[in-house]
Amino acid sequence: MVNLVIIKTFNTRMEAEIAKGFLEANGVKAVVQADDEGGMAPFPFRPTSQGARLLVKESDLKKAEELF
């Protein structure tokens, strides 16, 4: 089982997806978790109620923190 930890929370899914791309370009797999109505929100830049969370494997946390 893989333990995921939150590295950062963003206001919108779009911001989190950009950060995810940056991490993955540097060899760190990441996942975005957001309560954005299952992707059905009418505008991708609309803030989510609890933010969009960027998660990485616990074993990659140190490397991810160094990149931010």
PDB file of N, CA and C in Angstrom:
ATOM      1  N   MET A   1       0.830  -1.178   0.000  1.00  0.00           N
ATOM      2  CA  MET A   1       0.000   0.000   0.000  1.00  0.00           C
ATOM      3  C   MET A   1       0.879   1.247   0.000  1.00  0.00           C
ATOM      4  N   VAL A   2       0.518   2.216  -0.821  1.00  0.00           N
ATOM      5  CA  VAL A   2       1.288   3.453  -0.938  1.00  0.00           C
ATOM      6  C   VAL A   2       0.629   4.532  -0.087  1.00  0.00           C
ATOM      7  N   ASN A   3       1.426   5.183   0.740  1.00  0.00           N
ATOM      8  CA  ASN A   3       0.926   6.297   1.544  1.00  0.00           C
ATOM      9  C   ASN A   3       1.148   7.592   0.786  1.00  0.00           C
ATOM     10  N   LEU A   4       0.061   8.332   0.554  1.00  0.00           N
ATOM     11  CA  LEU A   4       0.156   9.628  -0.099  1.00  0.00           C
ATOM     12  C   LEU A   4       0.053  10.725   0.945  1.00  0.00           C
ATOM     13  N   VAL A   5       0.820  11.796   0.743  1.00  0.00           N
ATOM     14  CA  VAL A   5       0.786  12.943   1.644  1.00  0.00           C
ATOM     15  C   VAL A   5       0.568  14.209   0.828  1.00  0.00           C
ATOM     16  N   ILE A   6      -0.074  15.189   1.449  1.00  0.00           N
ATOM     17  CA  ILE A   6      -0.330  16.470   0.785  1.00  0.00           C
ATOM     18  C   ILE A   6       0.951  17.288   0.820  1.00  0.00           C
ATOM     19  N   ILE A   7       1.387  17.713  -0.354  1.00  0.00           N
ATOM     20  CA  ILE A   7       2.565  18.570  -0.432  1.00  0.00           C
ATOM     21  C   ILE A   7       2.157  20.041  -0.453  1.00  0.00           C
ATOM     22  N   LYS A   8       0.994  20.318  -1.069  1.00  0.00           N
ATOM     23  CA  LYS A   8       0.538  21.704  -1.165  1.00  0.00           C
ATOM     24  C   LYS A   8      -0.935  21.719  -1.549  1.00  0.00           C
ATOM     25  N   THR A   9      -1.650  22.770  -1.143  1.00  0.00           N
ATOM     26  CA  THR A   9      -3.046  22.955  -1.510  1.00  0.00           C
ATOM     27  C   THR A   9      -3.162  24.235  -2.326  1.00  0.00           C
ATOM     28  N   PHE A  10      -3.893  24.149  -3.433  1.00  0.00           N
ATOM     29  CA  PHE A  10      -4.075  25.274  -4.346  1.00  0.00           C
ATOM     30  C   PHE A  10      -5.542  25.696  -4.367  1.00  0.00           C
ATOM     31  N   ASN A  11      -5.812  26.901  -4.848  1.00  0.00           N
ATOM     32  CA  ASN A  11      -7.184  27.391  -4.934  1.00  0.00           C
ATOM     33  C   ASN A  11      -7.977  26.720  -6.051  1.00  0.00           C
ATOM     34  N   THR A  12      -7.292  26.375  -7.139  1.00  0.00           N
ATOM     35  CA  THR A  12      -7.990  25.785  -8.278  1.00  0.00           C
ATOM     36  C   THR A  12      -7.297  24.504  -8.732  1.00  0.00           C
ATOM     37  N   ARG A  13      -8.057  23.651  -9.409  1.00  0.00           N
ATOM     38  CA  ARG A  13      -7.492  22.425  -9.969  1.00  0.00           C
ATOM     39  C   ARG A  13      -6.417  22.767 -11.003  1.00  0.00           C
ATOM     40  N   MET A  14      -6.623  23.814 -11.802  1.00  0.00           N
ATOM     41  CA  MET A  14      -5.666  24.173 -12.846  1.00  0.00           C
ATOM     42  C   MET A  14      -4.284  24.459 -12.251  1.00  0.00           C
ATOM     43  N   GLU A  15      -4.234  25.205 -11.150  1.00  0.00           N
ATOM     44  CA  GLU A  15      -2.953  25.484 -10.493  1.00  0.00           C
ATOM     45  C   GLU A  15      -2.297  24.187 -10.020  1.00  0.00           C
ATOM     46  N   ALA A  16      -3.098  23.309  -9.439  1.00  0.00           N
ATOM     47  CA  ALA A  16      -2.572  22.039  -8.942  1.00  0.00           C
ATOM     48  C   ALA A  16      -2.061  21.170 -10.088  1.00  0.00           C
ATOM     49  N   GLU A  17      -2.763  21.178 -11.217  1.00  0.00           N
ATOM     50  CA  GLU A  17      -2.335  20.379 -12.371  1.00  0.00           C
ATOM     51  C   GLU A  17      -1.013  20.896 -12.942  1.00  0.00           C
ATOM     52  N   ILE A  18      -0.824  22.197 -12.938  1.00  0.00           N
ATOM     53  CA  ILE A  18       0.442  22.776 -13.410  1.00  0.00           C
ATOM     54  C   ILE A  18       1.583  22.329 -12.493  1.00  0.00           C
ATOM     55  N   ALA A  19       1.355  22.411 -11.178  1.00  0.00           N
ATOM     56  CA  ALA A  19       2.375  21.975 -10.217  1.00  0.00           C
ATOM     57  C   ALA A  19       2.652  20.483 -10.352  1.00  0.00           C
ATOM     58  N   LYS A  20       1.608  19.703 -10.603  1.00  0.00           N
ATOM     59  CA  LYS A  20       1.775  18.259 -10.815  1.00  0.00           C
ATOM     60  C   LYS A  20       2.683  18.010 -12.010  1.00  0.00           C
ATOM     61  N   GLY A  21       2.449  18.736 -13.097  1.00  0.00           N
ATOM     62  CA  GLY A  21       3.291  18.593 -14.284  1.00  0.00           C
ATOM     63  C   GLY A  21       4.747  18.929 -13.996  1.00  0.00           C
ATOM     64  N   PHE A  22       4.973  19.955 -13.190  1.00  0.00           N
ATOM     65  CA  PHE A  22       6.331  20.338 -12.814  1.00  0.00           C
ATOM     66  C   PHE A  22       7.007  19.215 -12.029  1.00  0.00           C
ATOM     67  N   LEU A  23       6.293  18.665 -11.042  1.00  0.00           N
ATOM     68  CA  LEU A  23       6.870  17.574 -10.255  1.00  0.00           C
ATOM     69  C   LEU A  23       7.179  16.375 -11.133  1.00  0.00           C
ATOM     70  N   GLU A  24       6.225  15.997 -11.983  1.00  0.00           N
ATOM     71  CA  GLU A  24       6.421  14.812 -12.812  1.00  0.00           C
ATOM     72  C   GLU A  24       7.537  15.018 -13.833  1.00  0.00           C
ATOM     73  N   ALA A  25       7.738  16.245 -14.298  1.00  0.00           N
ATOM     74  CA  ALA A  25       8.849  16.539 -15.206  1.00  0.00           C
ATOM     75  C   ALA A  25      10.190  16.370 -14.496  1.00  0.00           C
ATOM     76  N   ASN A  26      10.148  16.431 -13.167  1.00  0.00           N
ATOM     77  CA  ASN A  26      11.356  16.262 -12.362  1.00  0.00           C
ATOM     78  C   ASN A  26      11.411  14.908 -11.667  1.00  0.00           C
ATOM     79  N   GLY A  27      10.627  13.950 -12.152  1.00  0.00           N
ATOM     80  CA  GLY A  27      10.720  12.578 -11.677  1.00  0.00           C
ATOM     81  C   GLY A  27       9.912  12.221 -10.439  1.00  0.00           C
ATOM     82  N   VAL A  28       8.978  13.089 -10.041  1.00  0.00           N
ATOM     83  CA  VAL A  28       8.155  12.806  -8.859  1.00  0.00           C
ATOM     84  C   VAL A  28       6.703  12.617  -9.314  1.00  0.00           C
ATOM     85  N   LYS A  29       6.176  11.408  -9.153  1.00  0.00           N
ATOM     86  CA  LYS A  29       4.770  11.154  -9.484  1.00  0.00           C
ATOM     87  C   LYS A  29       3.881  11.888  -8.493  1.00  0.00           C
ATOM     88  N   ALA A  30       2.779  12.455  -9.000  1.00  0.00           N
ATOM     89  CA  ALA A  30       1.875  13.213  -8.143  1.00  0.00           C
ATOM     90  C   ALA A  30       0.430  12.971  -8.558  1.00  0.00           C
ATOM     91  N   VAL A  31      -0.476  13.285  -7.642  1.00  0.00           N
ATOM     92  CA  VAL A  31      -1.910  13.123  -7.859  1.00  0.00           C
ATOM     93  C   VAL A  31      -2.599  14.392  -7.387  1.00  0.00           C
ATOM     94  N   VAL A  32      -3.618  14.829  -8.129  1.00  0.00           N
ATOM     95  CA  VAL A  32      -4.420  15.975  -7.712  1.00  0.00           C
ATOM     96  C   VAL A  32      -5.747  15.450  -7.186  1.00  0.00           C
ATOM     97  N   GLN A  33      -6.137  15.948  -6.027  1.00  0.00           N
ATOM     98  CA  GLN A  33      -7.411  15.581  -5.418  1.00  0.00           C
ATOM     99  C   GLN A  33      -8.173  16.883  -5.158  1.00  0.00           C
ATOM    100  N   ALA A  34      -9.382  16.992  -5.749  1.00  0.00           N
ATOM    101  CA  ALA A  34     -10.157  18.217  -5.584  1.00  0.00           C
ATOM    102  C   ALA A  34     -11.647  17.918  -5.580  1.00  0.00           C
ATOM    103  N   ASP A  35     -12.378  18.695  -4.818  1.00  0.00           N
ATOM    104  CA  ASP A  35     -13.833  18.588  -4.800  1.00  0.00           C
ATOM    105  C   ASP A  35     -14.362  19.611  -5.808  1.00  0.00           C
ATOM    106  N   ASP A  36     -14.279  19.249  -7.081  1.00  0.00           N
ATOM    107  CA  ASP A  36     -14.691  20.178  -8.144  1.00  0.00           C
ATOM    108  C   ASP A  36     -15.855  19.610  -8.953  1.00  0.00           C
ATOM    109  N   GLU A  37     -16.760  18.987  -8.254  1.00  0.00           N
ATOM    110  CA  GLU A  37     -17.968  18.438  -8.864  1.00  0.00           C
ATOM    111  C   GLU A  37     -17.631  17.389  -9.922  1.00  0.00           C
ATOM    112  N   GLY A  38     -16.617  16.585  -9.636  1.00  0.00           N
ATOM    113  CA  GLY A  38     -16.228  15.523 -10.553  1.00  0.00           C
ATOM    114  C   GLY A  38     -15.740  16.029 -11.896  1.00  0.00           C
ATOM    115  N   GLY A  39     -15.154  17.219 -11.910  1.00  0.00           N
ATOM    116  CA  GLY A  39     -14.685  17.815 -13.156  1.00  0.00           C
ATOM    117  C   GLY A  39     -15.785  18.510 -13.935  1.00  0.00           C
ATOM    118  N   MET A  40     -16.971  18.585 -13.354  1.00  0.00           N
ATOM    119  CA  MET A  40     -18.101  19.181 -14.056  1.00  0.00           C
ATOM    120  C   MET A  40     -18.265  20.665 -13.753  1.00  0.00           C
ATOM    121  N   ALA A  41     -17.382  21.249 -12.958  1.00  0.00           N
ATOM    122  CA  ALA A  41     -17.461  22.684 -12.684  1.00  0.00           C
ATOM    123  C   ALA A  41     -17.398  23.420 -14.017  1.00  0.00           C
ATOM    124  N   PRO A  42     -18.205  24.449 -14.183  1.00  0.00           N
ATOM    125  CA  PRO A  42     -18.311  25.093 -15.480  1.00  0.00           C
ATOM    126  C   PRO A  42     -17.063  25.822 -15.964  1.00  0.00           C
ATOM    127  N   PHE A  43     -16.136  26.111 -15.110  1.00  0.00           N
ATOM    128  CA  PHE A  43     -14.948  26.860 -15.507  1.00  0.00           C
ATOM    129  C   PHE A  43     -13.741  26.286 -14.781  1.00  0.00           C
ATOM    130  N   PRO A  44     -12.691  25.896 -15.484  1.00  0.00           N
ATOM    131  CA  PRO A  44     -11.558  25.200 -14.845  1.00  0.00           C
ATOM    132  C   PRO A  44     -10.773  26.032 -13.837  1.00  0.00           C
ATOM    133  N   PHE A  45     -10.926  27.346 -13.880  1.00  0.00           N
ATOM    134  CA  PHE A  45     -10.169  28.195 -12.954  1.00  0.00           C
ATOM    135  C   PHE A  45     -10.987  28.565 -11.723  1.00  0.00           C
ATOM    136  N   ARG A  46     -12.181  28.011 -11.614  1.00  0.00           N
ATOM    137  CA  ARG A  46     -13.066  28.311 -10.494  1.00  0.00           C
ATOM    138  C   ARG A  46     -12.495  27.716  -9.213  1.00  0.00           C
ATOM    139  N   PRO A  47     -12.384  28.523  -8.159  1.00  0.00           N
ATOM    140  CA  PRO A  47     -11.872  27.985  -6.892  1.00  0.00           C
ATOM    141  C   PRO A  47     -12.765  26.871  -6.360  1.00  0.00           C
ATOM    142  N   THR A  48     -12.156  25.876  -5.756  1.00  0.00           N
ATOM    143  CA  THR A  48     -12.923  24.787  -5.151  1.00  0.00           C
ATOM    144  C   THR A  48     -13.182  25.130  -3.686  1.00  0.00           C
ATOM    145  N   SER A  49     -14.165  24.489  -3.108  1.00  0.00           N
ATOM    146  CA  SER A  49     -14.555  24.810  -1.733  1.00  0.00           C
ATOM    147  C   SER A  49     -13.447  24.512  -0.723  1.00  0.00           C
ATOM    148  N   GLN A  50     -12.687  23.459  -0.939  1.00  0.00           N
ATOM    149  CA  GLN A  50     -11.631  23.083   0.003  1.00  0.00           C
ATOM    150  C   GLN A  50     -10.254  23.117  -0.636  1.00  0.00           C
ATOM    151  N   GLY A  51     -10.165  23.641  -1.831  1.00  0.00           N
ATOM    152  CA  GLY A  51      -8.893  23.693  -2.518  1.00  0.00           C
ATOM    153  C   GLY A  51      -8.589  22.397  -3.247  1.00  0.00           C
ATOM    154  N   ALA A  52      -7.608  22.461  -4.096  1.00  0.00           N
ATOM    155  CA  ALA A  52      -7.138  21.290  -4.840  1.00  0.00           C
ATOM    156  C   ALA A  52      -5.834  20.848  -4.202  1.00  0.00           C
ATOM    157  N   ARG A  53      -5.808  19.626  -3.727  1.00  0.00           N
ATOM    158  CA  ARG A  53      -4.643  19.120  -3.010  1.00  0.00           C
ATOM    159  C   ARG A  53      -3.718  18.353  -3.946  1.00  0.00           C
ATOM    160  N   LEU A  54      -2.437  18.645  -3.830  1.00  0.00           N
ATOM    161  CA  LEU A  54      -1.416  17.954  -4.600  1.00  0.00           C
ATOM    162  C   LEU A  54      -0.762  16.943  -3.665  1.00  0.00           C
ATOM    163  N   LEU A  55      -0.836  15.670  -4.048  1.00  0.00           N
ATOM    164  CA  LEU A  55      -0.314  14.595  -3.207  1.00  0.00           C
ATOM    165  C   LEU A  55       0.842  13.872  -3.891  1.00  0.00           C
ATOM    166  N   VAL A  56       1.787  13.443  -3.074  1.00  0.00           N
ATOM    167  CA  VAL A  56       2.913  12.635  -3.553  1.00  0.00           C
ATOM    168  C   VAL A  56       3.085  11.449  -2.609  1.00  0.00           C
ATOM    169  N   LYS A  57       3.831  10.452  -3.070  1.00  0.00           N
ATOM    170  CA  LYS A  57       4.148   9.326  -2.196  1.00  0.00           C
ATOM    171  C   LYS A  57       4.988   9.844  -1.027  1.00  0.00           C
ATOM    172  N   GLU A  58       4.745   9.270   0.128  1.00  0.00           N
ATOM    173  CA  GLU A  58       5.496   9.671   1.313  1.00  0.00           C
ATOM    174  C   GLU A  58       7.002   9.549   1.083  1.00  0.00           C
ATOM    175  N   SER A  59       7.399   8.552   0.335  1.00  0.00           N
ATOM    176  CA  SER A  59       8.826   8.340   0.056  1.00  0.00           C
ATOM    177  C   SER A  59       9.407   9.416  -0.873  1.00  0.00           C
ATOM    178  N   ASP A  60       8.548  10.147  -1.597  1.00  0.00           N
ATOM    179  CA  ASP A  60       9.001  11.220  -2.499  1.00  0.00           C
ATOM    180  C   ASP A  60       8.851  12.603  -1.884  1.00  0.00           C
ATOM    181  N   LEU A  61       8.366  12.680  -0.665  1.00  0.00           N
ATOM    182  CA  LEU A  61       8.067  13.976  -0.046  1.00  0.00           C
ATOM    183  C   LEU A  61       9.272  14.900   0.007  1.00  0.00           C
ATOM    184  N   LYS A  62      10.401  14.408   0.443  1.00  0.00           N
ATOM    185  CA  LYS A  62      11.588  15.262   0.579  1.00  0.00           C
ATOM    186  C   LYS A  62      11.993  15.864  -0.768  1.00  0.00           C
ATOM    187  N   LYS A  63      12.010  15.037  -1.812  1.00  0.00           N
ATOM    188  CA  LYS A  63      12.388  15.528  -3.136  1.00  0.00           C
ATOM    189  C   LYS A  63      11.369  16.564  -3.629  1.00  0.00           C
ATOM    190  N   ALA A  64      10.080  16.309  -3.401  1.00  0.00           N
ATOM    191  CA  ALA A  64       9.037  17.249  -3.814  1.00  0.00           C
ATOM    192  C   ALA A  64       9.183  18.578  -3.083  1.00  0.00           C
ATOM    193  N   GLU A  65       9.464  18.531  -1.796  1.00  0.00           N
ATOM    194  CA  GLU A  65       9.649  19.766  -1.024  1.00  0.00           C
ATOM    195  C   GLU A  65      10.843  20.559  -1.540  1.00  0.00           C
ATOM    196  N   GLU A  66      11.902  19.871  -1.938  1.00  0.00           N
ATOM    197  CA  GLU A  66      13.072  20.543  -2.470  1.00  0.00           C
ATOM    198  C   GLU A  66      12.758  21.254  -3.793  1.00  0.00           C
ATOM    199  N   LEU A  67      11.849  20.696  -4.574  1.00  0.00           N
ATOM    200  CA  LEU A  67      11.481  21.300  -5.848  1.00  0.00           C
ATOM    201  C   LEU A  67      10.595  22.526  -5.684  1.00  0.00           C
ATOM    202  N   PHE A  68       9.854  22.600  -4.575  1.00  0.00           N
ATOM    203  CA  PHE A  68       9.002  23.765  -4.329  1.00  0.00           C
ATOM    204  C   PHE A  68       9.768  24.757  -3.562  1.00  0.00           C
TER     205      PHE A  68
END
